[in-house]
All heavy atoms as atom14 arrays in JSON, in Angstrom:
{
  "sequence": "KVGAALNGVANGGEAIILPAGTSLHYQGTHRIGPVDDGTCVTSPVSR",
  "atom14_mask": [
    [1, 1, 1, 1, 1, 1, 1, 1, 1, 0, 0, 0, 0, 0],
    [1, 1, 1, 1, 1, 1, 1, 0, 0, 0, 0, 0, 0, 0],
    [1, 1, 1, 1, 0, 0, 0, 0, 0, 0, 0, 0, 0, 0],
    [1, 1, 1, 1, 1, 0, 0, 0, 0, 0, 0, 0, 0, 0],
    [1, 1, 1, 1, 1, 0, 0, 0, 0, 0, 0, 0, 0, 0],
    [1, 1, 1, 1, 1, 1, 1, 1, 0, 0, 0, 0, 0, 0],
    [1, 1, 1, 1, 1, 1, 1, 1, 0, 0, 0, 0, 0, 0],
    [1, 1, 1, 1, 0, 0, 0, 0, 0, 0, 0, 0, 0, 0],
    [1, 1, 1, 1, 1, 1, 1, 0, 0, 0, 0, 0, 0, 0],
    [1, 1, 1, 1, 1, 0, 0, 0, 0, 0, 0, 0, 0, 0],
    [1, 1, 1, 1, 1, 1, 1, 1, 0, 0, 0, 0, 0, 0],
    [1, 1, 1, 1, 0, 0, 0, 0, 0, 0, 0, 0, 0, 0],
    [1, 1, 1, 1, 0, 0, 0, 0, 0, 0, 0, 0, 0, 0],
    [1, 1, 1, 1, 1, 1, 1, 1, 1, 0, 0, 0, 0, 0],
    [1, 1, 1, 1, 1, 0, 0, 0, 0, 0, 0, 0, 0, 0],
    [1, 1, 1, 1, 1, 1, 1, 1, 0, 0, 0, 0, 0, 0],
    [1, 1, 1, 1, 1, 1, 1, 1, 0, 0, 0, 0, 0, 0],
    [1, 1, 1, 1, 1, 1, 1, 1, 0, 0, 0, 0, 0, 0],
    [1, 1, 1, 1, 1, 1, 1, 0, 0, 0, 0, 0, 0, 0],
    [1, 1, 1, 1, 1, 0, 0, 0, 0, 0, 0, 0, 0, 0],
    [1, 1, 1, 1, 0, 0, 0, 0, 0, 0, 0, 0, 0, 0],
    [1, 1, 1, 1, 1, 1, 1, 0, 0, 0, 0, 0, 0, 0],
    [1, 1, 1, 1, 1, 1, 0, 0, 0, 0, 0, 0, 0, 0],
    [1, 1, 1, 1, 1, 1, 1, 1, 0, 0, 0, 0, 0, 0],
    [1, 1, 1, 1, 1, 1, 1, 1, 1, 1, 0, 0, 0, 0],
    [1, 1, 1, 1, 1, 1, 1, 1, 1, 1, 1, 1, 0, 0],
    [1, 1, 1, 1, 1, 1, 1, 1, 1, 0, 0, 0, 0, 0],
    [1, 1, 1, 1, 0, 0, 0, 0, 0, 0, 0, 0, 0, 0],
    [1, 1, 1, 1, 1, 1, 1, 0, 0, 0, 0, 0, 0, 0],
    [1, 1, 1, 1, 1, 1, 1, 1, 1, 1, 0, 0, 0, 0],
    [1, 1, 1, 1, 1, 1, 1, 1, 1, 1, 1, 0, 0, 0],
    [1, 1, 1, 1, 1, 1, 1, 1, 0, 0, 0, 0, 0, 0],
    [1, 1, 1, 1, 0, 0, 0, 0, 0, 0, 0, 0, 0, 0],
    [1, 1, 1, 1, 1, 1, 1, 0, 0, 0, 0, 0, 0, 0],
    [1, 1, 1, 1, 1, 1, 1, 0, 0, 0, 0, 0, 0, 0],
    [1, 1, 1, 1, 1, 1, 1, 1, 0, 0, 0, 0, 0, 0],
    [1, 1, 1, 1, 1, 1, 1, 1, 0, 0, 0, 0, 0, 0],
    [1, 1, 1, 1, 0, 0, 0, 0, 0, 0, 0, 0, 0, 0],
    [1, 1, 1, 1, 1, 1, 1, 0, 0, 0, 0, 0, 0, 0],
    [1, 1, 1, 1, 1, 1, 0, 0, 0, 0, 0, 0, 0, 0],
    [1, 1, 1, 1, 1, 1, 1, 0, 0, 0, 0, 0, 0, 0],
    [1, 1, 1, 1, 1, 1, 1, 0, 0, 0, 0, 0, 0, 0],
    [1, 1, 1, 1, 1, 1, 0, 0, 0, 0, 0, 0, 0, 0],
    [1, 1, 1, 1, 1, 1, 1, 0, 0, 0, 0, 0, 0, 0],
    [1, 1, 1, 1, 1, 1, 1, 0, 0, 0, 0, 0, 0, 0],
    [1, 1, 1, 1, 1, 1, 0, 0, 0, 0, 0, 0, 0, 0],
    [1, 1, 1, 1, 1, 1, 1, 1, 1, 1, 1, 0, 0, 0]
  ],
  "atom14_positions": [
    [[0.82, -1.21, -0.01], [-0.01, 0.0, 0.0], [0.87, 1.26, 0.0], [0.57, 2.23, -0.69], [-0.94, -0.02, 1.21], [-2.02, 1.05, 1.19], [-3.01, 0.84, 2.35], [-4.12, 1.9, 2.28], [-5.1, 1.7, 3.4], [0.0, 0.0, 0.0], [0.0, 0.0, 0.0], [0.0, 0.0, 0.0], [0.0, 0.0, 0.0], [0.0, 0.0, 0.0]],
    [[1.98, 1.24, 0.76], [2.89, 2.38, 0.76], [3.51, 2.51, -0.64], [3.65, 3.6, -1.19], [4.01, 2.19, 1.82], [5.09, 3.24, 1.65], [3.42, 2.31, 3.23], [0.0, 0.0, 0.0], [0.0, 0.0, 0.0], [0.0, 0.0, 0.0], [0.0, 0.0, 0.0], [0.0, 0.0, 0.0], [0.0, 0.0, 0.0], [0.0, 0.0, 0.0]],
    [[3.9, 1.37, -1.23], [4.47, 1.4, -2.56], [3.5, 2.0, -3.57], [3.88, 2.83, -4.4], [0.0, 0.0, 0.0], [0.0, 0.0, 0.0], [0.0, 0.0, 0.0], [0.0, 0.0, 0.0], [0.0, 0.0, 0.0], [0.0, 0.0, 0.0], [0.0, 0.0, 0.0], [0.0, 0.0, 0.0], [0.0, 0.0, 0.0], [0.0, 0.0, 0.0]],
    [[2.23, 1.6, -3.5], [1.21, 2.14, -4.4], [1.04, 3.66, -4.21], [0.74, 4.36, -5.17], [-0.09, 1.39, -4.19], [0.0, 0.0, 0.0], [0.0, 0.0, 0.0], [0.0, 0.0, 0.0], [0.0, 0.0, 0.0], [0.0, 0.0, 0.0], [0.0, 0.0, 0.0], [0.0, 0.0, 0.0], [0.0, 0.0, 0.0], [0.0, 0.0, 0.0]],
    [[1.19, 4.12, -2.97], [1.04, 5.54, -2.69], [2.17, 6.36, -3.28], [1.99, 7.55, -3.61], [0.93, 5.78, -1.18], [0.0, 0.0, 0.0], [0.0, 0.0, 0.0], [0.0, 0.0, 0.0], [0.0, 0.0, 0.0], [0.0, 0.0, 0.0], [0.0, 0.0, 0.0], [0.0, 0.0, 0.0], [0.0, 0.0, 0.0], [0.0, 0.0, 0.0]],
    [[3.33, 5.74, -3.45], [4.5, 6.46, -3.94], [4.79, 6.02, -5.39], [3.99, 6.3, -6.26], [5.7, 6.22, -3.01], [5.48, 6.79, -1.6], [6.61, 6.38, -0.68], [5.33, 8.29, -1.64], [0.0, 0.0, 0.0], [0.0, 0.0, 0.0], [0.0, 0.0, 0.0], [0.0, 0.0, 0.0], [0.0, 0.0, 0.0], [0.0, 0.0, 0.0]],
    [[5.8, 5.27, -5.65], [6.12, 4.89, -7.03], [6.43, 3.43, -7.14], [7.23, 3.01, -7.96], [7.29, 5.74, -7.52], [7.38, 5.81, -9.02], [6.41, 5.57, -9.73], [8.54, 6.16, -9.56], [0.0, 0.0, 0.0], [0.0, 0.0, 0.0], [0.0, 0.0, 0.0], [0.0, 0.0, 0.0], [0.0, 0.0, 0.0], [0.0, 0.0, 0.0]],
    [[5.86, 2.61, -6.23], [6.02, 1.19, -6.32], [7.16, 0.63, -5.47], [8.11, 1.36, -5.15], [0.0, 0.0, 0.0], [0.0, 0.0, 0.0], [0.0, 0.0, 0.0], [0.0, 0.0, 0.0], [0.0, 0.0, 0.0], [0.0, 0.0, 0.0], [0.0, 0.0, 0.0], [0.0, 0.0, 0.0], [0.0, 0.0, 0.0], [0.0, 0.0, 0.0]],
    [[7.05, -0.64, -5.1], [8.15, -1.32, -4.42], [9.27, -1.53, -5.42], [9.04, -1.95, -6.57], [7.66, -2.65, -3.83], [8.81, -3.41, -3.17], [6.52, -2.42, -2.82], [0.0, 0.0, 0.0], [0.0, 0.0, 0.0], [0.0, 0.0, 0.0], [0.0, 0.0, 0.0], [0.0, 0.0, 0.0], [0.0, 0.0, 0.0], [0.0, 0.0, 0.0]],
    [[10.49, -1.23, -5.03], [11.63, -1.32, -5.94], [11.91, -2.74, -6.37], [11.75, -3.7, -5.59], [12.86, -0.7, -5.3], [0.0, 0.0, 0.0], [0.0, 0.0, 0.0], [0.0, 0.0, 0.0], [0.0, 0.0, 0.0], [0.0, 0.0, 0.0], [0.0, 0.0, 0.0], [0.0, 0.0, 0.0], [0.0, 0.0, 0.0], [0.0, 0.0, 0.0]],
    [[12.36, -2.9, -7.59], [12.79, -4.21, -8.1], [13.95, -4.72, -7.21], [14.96, -4.05, -7.11], [13.24, -4.07, -9.56], [13.76, -5.38, -10.1], [13.26, -6.45, -9.79], [14.81, -5.29, -10.94], [0.0, 0.0, 0.0], [0.0, 0.0, 0.0], [0.0, 0.0, 0.0], [0.0, 0.0, 0.0], [0.0, 0.0, 0.0], [0.0, 0.0, 0.0]],
    [[13.75, -5.88, -6.63], [14.77, -6.45, -5.74], [14.69, -5.92, -4.34], [15.47, -6.34, -3.47], [0.0, 0.0, 0.0], [0.0, 0.0, 0.0], [0.0, 0.0, 0.0], [0.0, 0.0, 0.0], [0.0, 0.0, 0.0], [0.0, 0.0, 0.0], [0.0, 0.0, 0.0], [0.0, 0.0, 0.0], [0.0, 0.0, 0.0], [0.0, 0.0, 0.0]],
    [[13.78, -5.01, -4.1], [13.61, -4.45, -2.75], [12.34, -4.86, -2.07], [11.78, -4.15, -1.24], [0.0, 0.0, 0.0], [0.0, 0.0, 0.0], [0.0, 0.0, 0.0], [0.0, 0.0, 0.0], [0.0, 0.0, 0.0], [0.0, 0.0, 0.0], [0.0, 0.0, 0.0], [0.0, 0.0, 0.0], [0.0, 0.0, 0.0], [0.0, 0.0, 0.0]],
    [[11.82, -6.05, -2.46], [10.54, -6.52, -1.92], [10.68, -6.73, -0.42], [11.77, -6.91, 0.14], [10.13, -7.82, -2.6], [9.74, -7.65, -4.07], [10.95, -7.54, -5.01], [12.09, -7.78, -4.56], [10.75, -7.23, -6.22], [0.0, 0.0, 0.0], [0.0, 0.0, 0.0], [0.0, 0.0, 0.0], [0.0, 0.0, 0.0], [0.0, 0.0, 0.0]],
    [[9.53, -6.75, 0.24], [9.5, -6.79, 1.72], [10.19, -8.05, 2.27], [10.06, -9.16, 1.73], [8.04, -6.75, 2.19], [0.0, 0.0, 0.0], [0.0, 0.0, 0.0], [0.0, 0.0, 0.0], [0.0, 0.0, 0.0], [0.0, 0.0, 0.0], [0.0, 0.0, 0.0], [0.0, 0.0, 0.0], [0.0, 0.0, 0.0], [0.0, 0.0, 0.0]],
    [[10.9, -7.84, 3.35], [11.62, -8.88, 4.08], [11.24, -8.79, 5.55], [11.22, -7.71, 6.12], [13.16, -8.73, 3.94], [13.59, -8.89, 2.48], [13.88, -9.72, 4.83], [15.06, -8.59, 2.28], [0.0, 0.0, 0.0], [0.0, 0.0, 0.0], [0.0, 0.0, 0.0], [0.0, 0.0, 0.0], [0.0, 0.0, 0.0], [0.0, 0.0, 0.0]],
    [[10.92, -9.94, 6.14], [10.72, -10.0, 7.59], [12.08, -10.29, 8.23], [12.76, -11.29, 7.86], [9.72, -11.11, 7.96], [8.35, -10.83, 7.33], [9.58, -11.2, 9.49], [7.35, -11.96, 7.5], [0.0, 0.0, 0.0], [0.0, 0.0, 0.0], [0.0, 0.0, 0.0], [0.0, 0.0, 0.0], [0.0, 0.0, 0.0], [0.0, 0.0, 0.0]],
    [[12.49, -9.47, 9.14], [13.84, -9.61, 9.74], [13.8, -10.53, 10.95], [12.76, -10.68, 11.6], [14.36, -8.23, 10.16], [14.59, -7.26, 8.99], [15.06, -5.9, 9.52], [15.61, -7.81, 7.99], [0.0, 0.0, 0.0], [0.0, 0.0, 0.0], [0.0, 0.0, 0.0], [0.0, 0.0, 0.0], [0.0, 0.0, 0.0], [0.0, 0.0, 0.0]],
    [[14.92, -11.18, 11.26], [14.97, -12.06, 12.42], [14.65, -11.29, 13.71], [15.01, -10.12, 13.86], [16.44, -12.56, 12.45], [16.93, -12.34, 11.07], [16.21, -11.16, 10.53], [0.0, 0.0, 0.0], [0.0, 0.0, 0.0], [0.0, 0.0, 0.0], [0.0, 0.0, 0.0], [0.0, 0.0, 0.0], [0.0, 0.0, 0.0], [0.0, 0.0, 0.0]],
    [[13.96, -11.93, 14.63], [13.61, -11.3, 15.91], [14.87, -10.81, 16.6], [15.88, -11.5, 16.68], [12.86, -12.31, 16.79], [0.0, 0.0, 0.0], [0.0, 0.0, 0.0], [0.0, 0.0, 0.0], [0.0, 0.0, 0.0], [0.0, 0.0, 0.0], [0.0, 0.0, 0.0], [0.0, 0.0, 0.0], [0.0, 0.0, 0.0], [0.0, 0.0, 0.0]],
    [[14.77, -9.62, 17.13], [15.91, -8.99, 17.79], [16.59, -7.93, 16.97], [17.34, -7.12, 17.5], [0.0, 0.0, 0.0], [0.0, 0.0, 0.0], [0.0, 0.0, 0.0], [0.0, 0.0, 0.0], [0.0, 0.0, 0.0], [0.0, 0.0, 0.0], [0.0, 0.0, 0.0], [0.0, 0.0, 0.0], [0.0, 0.0, 0.0], [0.0, 0.0, 0.0]],
    [[16.34, -7.91, 15.65], [17.0, -6.97, 14.77], [16.68, -5.52, 15.16], [17.51, -4.62, 15.0], [16.59, -7.19, 13.31], [16.87, -8.56, 12.97], [17.38, -6.32, 12.37], [0.0, 0.0, 0.0], [0.0, 0.0, 0.0], [0.0, 0.0, 0.0], [0.0, 0.0, 0.0], [0.0, 0.0, 0.0], [0.0, 0.0, 0.0], [0.0, 0.0, 0.0]],
    [[15.49, -5.28, 15.7], [15.09, -3.92, 16.01], [15.99, -3.25, 17.06], [16.1, -2.02, 17.1], [13.64, -3.93, 16.55], [13.59, -4.4, 17.86], [0.0, 0.0, 0.0], [0.0, 0.0, 0.0], [0.0, 0.0, 0.0], [0.0, 0.0, 0.0], [0.0, 0.0, 0.0], [0.0, 0.0, 0.0], [0.0, 0.0, 0.0], [0.0, 0.0, 0.0]],
    [[16.59, -4.05, 17.96], [17.37, -3.53, 19.12], [16.46, -2.76, 20.06], [16.98, -2.06, 20.96], [18.54, -2.69, 18.69], [19.56, -3.35, 17.72], [20.65, -2.37, 17.35], [20.18, -4.58, 18.38], [0.0, 0.0, 0.0], [0.0, 0.0, 0.0], [0.0, 0.0, 0.0], [0.0, 0.0, 0.0], [0.0, 0.0, 0.0], [0.0, 0.0, 0.0]],
    [[15.16, -2.92, 19.96], [14.22, -2.17, 20.78], [13.63, -3.02, 21.89], [12.42, -3.1, 22.08], [13.08, -1.61, 19.91], [13.52, -0.61, 18.9], [12.68, -0.11, 17.89], [14.7, 0.06, 18.74], [13.34, 0.76, 17.17], [14.57, 0.89, 17.64], [0.0, 0.0, 0.0], [0.0, 0.0, 0.0], [0.0, 0.0, 0.0], [0.0, 0.0, 0.0]],
    [[14.48, -3.69, 22.67], [13.97, -4.62, 23.68], [13.41, -3.86, 24.88], [14.03, -2.9, 25.38], [15.1, -5.55, 24.14], [16.01, -5.97, 23.01], [17.39, -5.91, 23.14], [15.46, -6.41, 21.8], [18.21, -6.28, 22.07], [16.3, -6.76, 20.74], [17.67, -6.7, 20.88], [18.47, -7.02, 19.83], [0.0, 0.0, 0.0], [0.0, 0.0, 0.0]],
    [[12.28, -4.29, 25.35], [11.58, -3.58, 26.4], [10.96, -4.59, 27.4], [10.93, -5.76, 27.14], [10.46, -2.71, 25.81], [10.93, -1.68, 24.78], [9.83, -1.15, 23.9], [8.85, -0.61, 24.39], [9.97, -1.3, 22.6], [0.0, 0.0, 0.0], [0.0, 0.0, 0.0], [0.0, 0.0, 0.0], [0.0, 0.0, 0.0], [0.0, 0.0, 0.0]],
    [[10.47, -4.04, 28.52], [9.61, -4.8, 29.41], [10.28, -5.66, 30.48], [9.59, -6.15, 31.39], [0.0, 0.0, 0.0], [0.0, 0.0, 0.0], [0.0, 0.0, 0.0], [0.0, 0.0, 0.0], [0.0, 0.0, 0.0], [0.0, 0.0, 0.0], [0.0, 0.0, 0.0], [0.0, 0.0, 0.0], [0.0, 0.0, 0.0], [0.0, 0.0, 0.0]],
    [[11.56, -5.86, 30.42], [12.23, -6.82, 31.29], [12.43, -6.33, 32.73], [12.74, -7.13, 33.59], [13.61, -7.22, 30.72], [14.34, -6.01, 30.44], [13.44, -7.98, 29.44], [0.0, 0.0, 0.0], [0.0, 0.0, 0.0], [0.0, 0.0, 0.0], [0.0, 0.0, 0.0], [0.0, 0.0, 0.0], [0.0, 0.0, 0.0], [0.0, 0.0, 0.0]],
    [[12.25, -5.05, 32.96], [12.21, -4.52, 34.33], [11.13, -3.45, 34.37], [11.33, -2.35, 34.86], [13.58, -4.01, 34.81], [14.27, -3.03, 33.91], [14.04, -1.68, 33.97], [15.18, -3.21, 32.94], [14.8, -1.07, 33.05], [15.51, -1.98, 32.41], [0.0, 0.0, 0.0], [0.0, 0.0, 0.0], [0.0, 0.0, 0.0], [0.0, 0.0, 0.0]],
    [[9.98, -3.8, 33.89], [8.91, -2.86, 33.6], [8.36, -2.14, 34.83], [8.35, -2.71, 35.95], [7.76, -3.57, 32.88], [7.08, -4.64, 33.72], [6.5, -5.81, 32.87], [5.54, -5.38, 31.84], [4.25, -5.71, 31.87], [3.74, -6.44, 32.86], [3.47, -5.3, 30.9], [0.0, 0.0, 0.0], [0.0, 0.0, 0.0], [0.0, 0.0, 0.0]],
    [[7.96, -0.93, 34.63], [7.29, -0.19, 35.67], [5.82, -0.64, 35.77], [5.3, -1.25, 34.86], [7.36, 1.35, 35.42], [6.57, 1.74, 34.16], [8.8, 1.83, 35.34], [6.47, 3.21, 33.94], [0.0, 0.0, 0.0], [0.0, 0.0, 0.0], [0.0, 0.0, 0.0], [0.0, 0.0, 0.0], [0.0, 0.0, 0.0], [0.0, 0.0, 0.0]],
    [[5.2, -0.33, 36.91], [3.79, -0.69, 37.07], [3.15, 0.14, 38.19], [3.87, 0.72, 39.03], [0.0, 0.0, 0.0], [0.0, 0.0, 0.0], [0.0, 0.0, 0.0], [0.0, 0.0, 0.0], [0.0, 0.0, 0.0], [0.0, 0.0, 0.0], [0.0, 0.0, 0.0], [0.0, 0.0, 0.0], [0.0, 0.0, 0.0], [0.0, 0.0, 0.0]],
    [[1.84, 0.19, 38.23], [1.17, 1.05, 39.21], [1.15, 0.47, 40.61], [1.1, 1.2, 41.6], [-0.26, 1.16, 38.66], [-0.47, -0.07, 37.84], [0.88, -0.39, 37.25], [0.0, 0.0, 0.0], [0.0, 0.0, 0.0], [0.0, 0.0, 0.0], [0.0, 0.0, 0.0], [0.0, 0.0, 0.0], [0.0, 0.0, 0.0], [0.0, 0.0, 0.0]],
    [[1.2, -0.89, 40.74], [1.21, -1.53, 42.06], [2.11, -2.73, 42.02], [2.4, -3.32, 40.97], [-0.22, -1.98, 42.47], [-1.14, -0.8, 42.67], [-0.82, -2.91, 41.4], [0.0, 0.0, 0.0], [0.0, 0.0, 0.0], [0.0, 0.0, 0.0], [0.0, 0.0, 0.0], [0.0, 0.0, 0.0], [0.0, 0.0, 0.0], [0.0, 0.0, 0.0]],
    [[2.58, -3.13, 43.2], [3.49, -4.27, 43.33], [2.65, -5.55, 43.34], [2.37, -6.11, 44.4], [4.32, -4.12, 44.61], [5.34, -5.24, 44.77], [5.52, -6.05, 43.83], [5.94, -5.32, 45.87], [0.0, 0.0, 0.0], [0.0, 0.0, 0.0], [0.0, 0.0, 0.0], [0.0, 0.0, 0.0], [0.0, 0.0, 0.0], [0.0, 0.0, 0.0]],
    [[2.26, -6.01, 42.15], [1.39, -7.18, 42.07], [2.05, -8.38, 41.42], [1.38, -9.35, 41.01], [0.1, -6.8, 41.28], [0.42, -6.36, 39.88], [1.59, -6.31, 39.5], [-0.55, -6.04, 39.13], [0.0, 0.0, 0.0], [0.0, 0.0, 0.0], [0.0, 0.0, 0.0], [0.0, 0.0, 0.0], [0.0, 0.0, 0.0], [0.0, 0.0, 0.0]],
    [[3.37, -8.35, 41.25], [4.09, -9.44, 40.65], [4.25, -9.36, 39.13], [4.95, -10.17, 38.55], [0.0, 0.0, 0.0], [0.0, 0.0, 0.0], [0.0, 0.0, 0.0], [0.0, 0.0, 0.0], [0.0, 0.0, 0.0], [0.0, 0.0, 0.0], [0.0, 0.0, 0.0], [0.0, 0.0, 0.0], [0.0, 0.0, 0.0], [0.0, 0.0, 0.0]],
    [[3.57, -8.38, 38.5], [3.69, -8.24, 37.06], [4.65, -7.13, 36.64], [4.8, -6.87, 35.43], [2.3, -7.93, 36.43], [1.88, -6.66, 36.85], [1.28, -9.0, 36.83], [0.0, 0.0, 0.0], [0.0, 0.0, 0.0], [0.0, 0.0, 0.0], [0.0, 0.0, 0.0], [0.0, 0.0, 0.0], [0.0, 0.0, 0.0], [0.0, 0.0, 0.0]],
    [[5.28, -6.47, 37.6], [6.21, -5.41, 37.29], [7.33, -5.46, 38.31], [7.22, -6.06, 39.37], [5.51, -4.05, 37.28], [4.62, -3.68, 38.81], [0.0, 0.0, 0.0], [0.0, 0.0, 0.0], [0.0, 0.0, 0.0], [0.0, 0.0, 0.0], [0.0, 0.0, 0.0], [0.0, 0.0, 0.0], [0.0, 0.0, 0.0], [0.0, 0.0, 0.0]],
    [[8.42, -4.77, 37.99], [9.62, -4.77, 38.84], [9.75, -3.49, 39.65], [10.27, -3.51, 40.76], [10.88, -4.99, 37.98], [12.17, -4.91, 38.8], [10.81, -6.34, 37.26], [0.0, 0.0, 0.0], [0.0, 0.0, 0.0], [0.0, 0.0, 0.0], [0.0, 0.0, 0.0], [0.0, 0.0, 0.0], [0.0, 0.0, 0.0], [0.0, 0.0, 0.0]],
    [[9.26, -2.39, 39.1], [9.44, -1.11, 39.77], [8.14, -0.33, 39.85], [7.14, -0.64, 39.18], [10.47, -0.23, 39.06], [9.89, 0.33, 37.86], [11.72, -1.0, 38.66], [0.0, 0.0, 0.0], [0.0, 0.0, 0.0], [0.0, 0.0, 0.0], [0.0, 0.0, 0.0], [0.0, 0.0, 0.0], [0.0, 0.0, 0.0], [0.0, 0.0, 0.0]],
    [[8.17, 0.73, 40.64], [7.06, 1.67, 40.72], [7.01, 2.53, 39.45], [7.92, 2.46, 38.62], [7.28, 2.56, 41.94], [8.32, 3.49, 41.68], [0.0, 0.0, 0.0], [0.0, 0.0, 0.0], [0.0, 0.0, 0.0], [0.0, 0.0, 0.0], [0.0, 0.0, 0.0], [0.0, 0.0, 0.0], [0.0, 0.0, 0.0], [0.0, 0.0, 0.0]],
    [[5.99, 3.36, 39.3], [5.96, 4.25, 38.12], [7.14, 5.17, 37.98], [7.43, 5.64, 36.87], [4.65, 5.03, 38.32], [3.8, 4.13, 39.14], [4.73, 3.46, 40.07], [0.0, 0.0, 0.0], [0.0, 0.0, 0.0], [0.0, 0.0, 0.0], [0.0, 0.0, 0.0], [0.0, 0.0, 0.0], [0.0, 0.0, 0.0], [0.0, 0.0, 0.0]],
    [[7.86, 5.45, 39.09], [9.05, 6.29, 39.0], [10.31, 5.43, 39.04], [11.38, 5.92, 39.42], [9.06, 7.37, 40.11], [7.99, 8.41, 39.84], [8.91, 6.75, 41.49], [0.0, 0.0, 0.0], [0.0, 0.0, 0.0], [0.0, 0.0, 0.0], [0.0, 0.0, 0.0], [0.0, 0.0, 0.0], [0.0, 0.0, 0.0], [0.0, 0.0, 0.0]],
    [[10.2, 4.15, 38.67], [11.35, 3.29, 38.39], [12.11, 2.86, 39.63], [13.25, 2.37, 39.52], [12.31, 3.96, 37.39], [11.66, 4.24, 36.19], [0.0, 0.0, 0.0], [0.0, 0.0, 0.0], [0.0, 0.0, 0.0], [0.0, 0.0, 0.0], [0.0, 0.0, 0.0], [0.0, 0.0, 0.0], [0.0, 0.0, 0.0], [0.0, 0.0, 0.0]],
    [[11.52, 2.96, 40.84], [12.16, 2.47, 42.04], [11.78, 1.0, 42.26], [10.56, 0.67, 42.21], [11.76, 3.31, 43.26], [12.42, 2.85, 44.54], [12.34, 3.94, 45.64], [10.99, 4.38, 45.89], [10.2, 3.88, 46.85], [10.65, 2.88, 47.64], [8.98, 4.34, 47.04], [0.0, 0.0, 0.0], [0.0, 0.0, 0.0], [0.0, 0.0, 0.0]]
  ]
}
């Protein structure tokens, strides 16, 4: 759809799904939370 809006997907540049982790955007492993209920590691202010 983005290609159609512009000038098409480039020849040889068709969509690729990248291996998990490529983003480098890892989150959630010491997540904040509103209450200490076992689903979060810290308070909303990261303590």
